[in-house]
Every structure is written in C-alpha cells, then in structure tokens.
Amino acid sequence: MIPAPPWSLSYADGSANVFRFTATASGVHVVYDPVTPATSSTGMYSGGAPLDAQLAPDDPRIAMLWQHVRGLEADTAHHVADRCKGDGALTIDGRTVLIARAATRTFEAWLTSAILGPT
C-alpha cells in the first residue's frame, strides 16, 4: 500500500549510492546521488550518472517501490544492527532500517532498471 503524501524515503545501497524519493500531491521527486571517483574510498568507483526526475502520482513504479520497501521492512531476519560494506540503509520518514546485502539484491536490481533506466 502506498502511503498518502507527503512522505519521504531514501535508500543507500551497499556502495553508498543514494536514492531519495519525496512525495507530494503532485507526484514523487526522485534523486539519485551516486558515488563518484572523487568521493569513493578507492578513488576509482563510480555509481553512474546522477538523476533528478519527477514521477506522476499514478506512475506504477511508485506502487512497486512500496512493495519492495514493505517486503524489506517485514523481513526482520535480514535486518542488522550495524551496517557493513555491502549492506543497505532504508530510511522511511526519518526511521532507518539496516538490511544485510543478501536481502537487498532484488531491490537494487529493480532500482537500477526501473528508476535509473527509463524515466
């Protein structure tokens, strides 16, 4: 179920690339803030191109986003107390859940294809 706006959601993947979603009545603002070689620990990694886009309120990707998020929230067996390299950090309206890498792969693949792919 998609919460009524306003809401905010962010996800930092295991490489520290960050997706931010902010909903208002007019739609969902999406920002992807990737790691760059200048900010990576190795000086070489790049998370790709940044994104700043707006999704219409009825965009089906919003429902799919929340389906993934609710699944990760409910899967408490994969929640971790301390974030290690590779683990994800999901923040929903200011509340953060740390998730072991094993449970985030499907969500990260979906973010890459559905959000960073066509907009």
C-alpha atoms as a PDB file:
ATOM      1  CA  MET A   1       0.000   0.000   0.000  1.00  0.00           C
ATOM      2  CA  ILE A   2       1.263   3.455  -0.905  1.00  0.00           C
ATOM      3  CA  PRO A   3       1.028   5.959   1.943  1.00  0.00           C
ATOM      4  CA  ALA A   4      -0.721   9.246   1.294  1.00  0.00           C
ATOM      5  CA  PRO A   5       1.678  12.110   0.613  1.00  0.00           C
ATOM      6  CA  PRO A   6       3.642  13.711   1.973  1.00  0.00           C
ATOM      7  CA  TRP A   7       6.229  11.022   2.580  1.00  0.00           C
ATOM      8  CA  SER A   8       9.939  10.603   2.101  1.00  0.00           C
ATOM      9  CA  LEU A   9      12.047   7.548   1.539  1.00  0.00           C
ATOM     10  CA  SER A  10      15.730   7.082   0.890  1.00  0.00           C
ATOM     11  CA  TYR A  11      17.851   4.063   0.194  1.00  0.00           C
ATOM     12  CA  ALA A  12      21.640   3.926   0.374  1.00  0.00           C
ATOM     13  CA  ASP A  13      22.907   0.838  -1.386  1.00  0.00           C
ATOM     14  CA  GLY A  14      25.898  -1.225  -0.365  1.00  0.00           C
ATOM     15  CA  SER A  15      28.237   1.049  -2.301  1.00  0.00           C
ATOM     16  CA  ALA A  16      26.802   4.238  -0.706  1.00  0.00           C
ATOM     17  CA  ASN A  17      24.882   5.390  -3.793  1.00  0.00           C
ATOM     18  CA  VAL A  18      21.697   7.076  -2.541  1.00  0.00           C
ATOM     19  CA  PHE A  19      18.178   7.118  -3.967  1.00  0.00           C
ATOM     20  CA  ARG A  20      15.807   9.740  -2.477  1.00  0.00           C
ATOM     21  CA  PHE A  21      12.062   9.793  -3.039  1.00  0.00           C
ATOM     22  CA  THR A  22       9.894  12.678  -1.826  1.00  0.00           C
ATOM     23  CA  ALA A  23       6.140  12.565  -2.417  1.00  0.00           C
ATOM     24  CA  THR A  24       3.694  15.429  -2.617  1.00  0.00           C
ATOM     25  CA  ALA A  25       0.198  15.553  -4.074  1.00  0.00           C
ATOM     26  CA  SER A  26       1.715  16.428  -7.461  1.00  0.00           C
ATOM     27  CA  GLY A  27       3.948  13.349  -7.671  1.00  0.00           C
ATOM     28  CA  VAL A  28       7.218  11.890  -6.463  1.00  0.00           C
ATOM     29  CA  HIS A  29      10.527  13.689  -6.823  1.00  0.00           C
ATOM     30  CA  VAL A  30      13.359  11.193  -7.365  1.00  0.00           C
ATOM     31  CA  VAL A  31      17.029  11.995  -6.864  1.00  0.00           C
ATOM     32  CA  TYR A  32      19.865   9.537  -7.395  1.00  0.00           C
ATOM     33  CA  ASP A  33      23.139  10.685  -5.853  1.00  0.00           C
ATOM     34  CA  PRO A  34      25.859   8.271  -6.962  1.00  0.00           C
ATOM     35  CA  VAL A  35      29.324   7.837  -5.554  1.00  0.00           C
ATOM     36  CA  THR A  36      31.932   9.401  -7.833  1.00  0.00           C
ATOM     37  CA  PRO A  37      35.610   8.508  -8.175  1.00  0.00           C
ATOM     38  CA  ALA A  38      36.400  11.678  -6.205  1.00  0.00           C
ATOM     39  CA  THR A  39      34.251  10.521  -3.276  1.00  0.00           C
ATOM     40  CA  SER A  40      34.905   6.761  -3.401  1.00  0.00           C
ATOM     41  CA  SER A  41      37.278   5.098  -0.980  1.00  0.00           C
ATOM     42  CA  THR A  42      39.285   3.638  -3.863  1.00  0.00           C
ATOM     43  CA  GLY A  43      39.311   6.783  -5.970  1.00  0.00           C
ATOM     44  CA  MET A  44      38.032   4.736  -8.927  1.00  0.00           C
ATOM     45  CA  TYR A  45      34.444   3.608  -8.261  1.00  0.00           C
ATOM     46  CA  SER A  46      31.561   5.375  -9.952  1.00  0.00           C
ATOM     47  CA  GLY A  47      27.889   4.714  -9.270  1.00  0.00           C
ATOM     48  CA  GLY A  48      26.988   6.141 -12.667  1.00  0.00           C
ATOM     49  CA  ALA A  49      25.143   9.268 -13.695  1.00  0.00           C
ATOM     50  CA  PRO A  50      23.066  11.263 -11.224  1.00  0.00           C
ATOM     51  CA  LEU A  51      19.327  11.563 -11.724  1.00  0.00           C
ATOM     52  CA  ASP A  52      16.799  14.238 -10.814  1.00  0.00           C
ATOM     53  CA  ALA A  53      13.313  13.346 -12.063  1.00  0.00           C
ATOM     54  CA  GLN A  54       9.633  13.657 -11.272  1.00  0.00           C
ATOM     55  CA  LEU A  55       7.203  10.724 -11.339  1.00  0.00           C
ATOM     56  CA  ALA A  56       3.495  11.331 -11.882  1.00  0.00           C
ATOM     57  CA  PRO A  57       1.285  10.457  -8.887  1.00  0.00           C
ATOM     58  CA  ASP A  58      -0.130   7.450 -10.764  1.00  0.00           C
ATOM     59  CA  ASP A  59       3.207   6.100 -12.050  1.00  0.00           C
ATOM     60  CA  PRO A  60       3.143   2.311 -11.429  1.00  0.00           C
ATOM     61  CA  ARG A  61       6.769   2.406 -10.260  1.00  0.00           C
ATOM     62  CA  ILE A  62       5.619   4.099  -7.049  1.00  0.00           C
ATOM     63  CA  ALA A  63       3.466   1.099  -6.101  1.00  0.00           C
ATOM     64  CA  MET A  64       6.322  -1.281  -6.962  1.00  0.00           C
ATOM     65  CA  LEU A  65       8.740   0.822  -4.900  1.00  0.00           C
ATOM     66  CA  TRP A  66       6.495   0.457  -1.859  1.00  0.00           C
ATOM     67  CA  GLN A  67       6.033  -3.258  -2.487  1.00  0.00           C
ATOM     68  CA  HIS A  68       9.813  -3.691  -2.287  1.00  0.00           C
ATOM     69  CA  VAL A  69      10.117  -1.400   0.729  1.00  0.00           C
ATOM     70  CA  ARG A  70       7.355  -3.151   2.678  1.00  0.00           C
ATOM     71  CA  GLY A  71       8.971  -6.514   1.938  1.00  0.00           C
ATOM     72  CA  LEU A  72      12.363  -5.334   3.200  1.00  0.00           C
ATOM     73  CA  GLU A  73      10.755  -3.838   6.302  1.00  0.00           C
ATOM     74  CA  ALA A  74       8.906  -7.067   7.077  1.00  0.00           C
ATOM     75  CA  ASP A  75      11.952  -9.313   6.547  1.00  0.00           C
ATOM     76  CA  THR A  76      13.362  -8.735  10.035  1.00  0.00           C
ATOM     77  CA  ALA A  77      15.601 -11.807   9.745  1.00  0.00           C
ATOM     78  CA  HIS A  78      17.802  -9.761   7.390  1.00  0.00           C
ATOM     79  CA  HIS A  79      17.845  -6.569   9.478  1.00  0.00           C
ATOM     80  CA  VAL A  80      21.249  -5.864  11.015  1.00  0.00           C
ATOM     81  CA  ALA A  81      22.315  -3.759  13.980  1.00  0.00           C
ATOM     82  CA  ASP A  82      25.499  -2.437  12.358  1.00  0.00           C
ATOM     83  CA  ARG A  83      25.956  -1.608   8.711  1.00  0.00           C
ATOM     84  CA  CYS A  84      28.829  -3.346   6.966  1.00  0.00           C
ATOM     85  CA  LYS A  85      30.126  -2.691   3.472  1.00  0.00           C
ATOM     86  CA  GLY A  86      27.536  -4.052   1.044  1.00  0.00           C
ATOM     87  CA  ASP A  87      24.557  -3.641   3.381  1.00  0.00           C
ATOM     88  CA  GLY A  88      21.718  -1.266   2.571  1.00  0.00           C
ATOM     89  CA  ALA A  89      20.191   1.517   4.641  1.00  0.00           C
ATOM     90  CA  LEU A  90      16.496   2.198   4.129  1.00  0.00           C
ATOM     91  CA  THR A  91      15.088   5.380   5.691  1.00  0.00           C
ATOM     92  CA  ILE A  92      11.345   5.928   5.762  1.00  0.00           C
ATOM     93  CA  ASP A  93      10.161   9.290   7.092  1.00  0.00           C
ATOM     94  CA  GLY A  94      13.264   9.526   9.288  1.00  0.00           C
ATOM     95  CA  ARG A  95      13.286   5.918  10.595  1.00  0.00           C
ATOM     96  CA  THR A  96      16.243   3.838   9.368  1.00  0.00           C
ATOM     97  CA  VAL A  97      16.412   0.072   8.878  1.00  0.00           C
ATOM     98  CA  LEU A  98      19.768  -1.540   8.070  1.00  0.00           C
ATOM     99  CA  ILE A  99      19.469  -4.536   5.772  1.00  0.00           C
ATOM    100  CA  ALA A 100      22.000  -7.268   5.043  1.00  0.00           C
ATOM    101  CA  ARG A 101      23.273  -7.419   1.472  1.00  0.00           C
ATOM    102  CA  ALA A 102      21.702 -10.829   0.840  1.00  0.00           C
ATOM    103  CA  ALA A 103      18.224  -9.297   1.097  1.00  0.00           C
ATOM    104  CA  THR A 104      18.803  -6.164  -0.999  1.00  0.00           C
ATOM    105  CA  ARG A 105      19.914  -7.569  -4.361  1.00  0.00           C
ATOM    106  CA  THR A 106      16.451  -7.794  -5.934  1.00  0.00           C
ATOM    107  CA  PHE A 107      15.523  -4.288  -4.770  1.00  0.00           C
ATOM    108  CA  GLU A 108      18.780  -2.807  -6.050  1.00  0.00           C
ATOM    109  CA  ALA A 109      18.343  -4.518  -9.423  1.00  0.00           C
ATOM    110  CA  TRP A 110      14.823  -3.094  -9.642  1.00  0.00           C
ATOM    111  CA  LEU A 111      16.030   0.428  -8.734  1.00  0.00           C
ATOM    112  CA  THR A 112      18.695   0.211 -11.432  1.00  0.00           C
ATOM    113  CA  SER A 113      16.332  -0.957 -14.163  1.00  0.00           C
ATOM    114  CA  ALA A 114      13.090   0.842 -13.262  1.00  0.00           C
ATOM    115  CA  ILE A 115      14.401   4.113 -11.818  1.00  0.00           C
ATOM    116  CA  LEU A 116      17.769   4.670 -13.454  1.00  0.00           C
ATOM    117  CA  GLY A 117      16.669   3.085 -16.730  1.00  0.00           C
ATOM    118  CA  PRO A 118      13.649   4.730 -18.348  1.00  0.00           C
ATOM    119  CA  THR A 119      12.212   7.783 -16.607  1.00  0.00           C
END
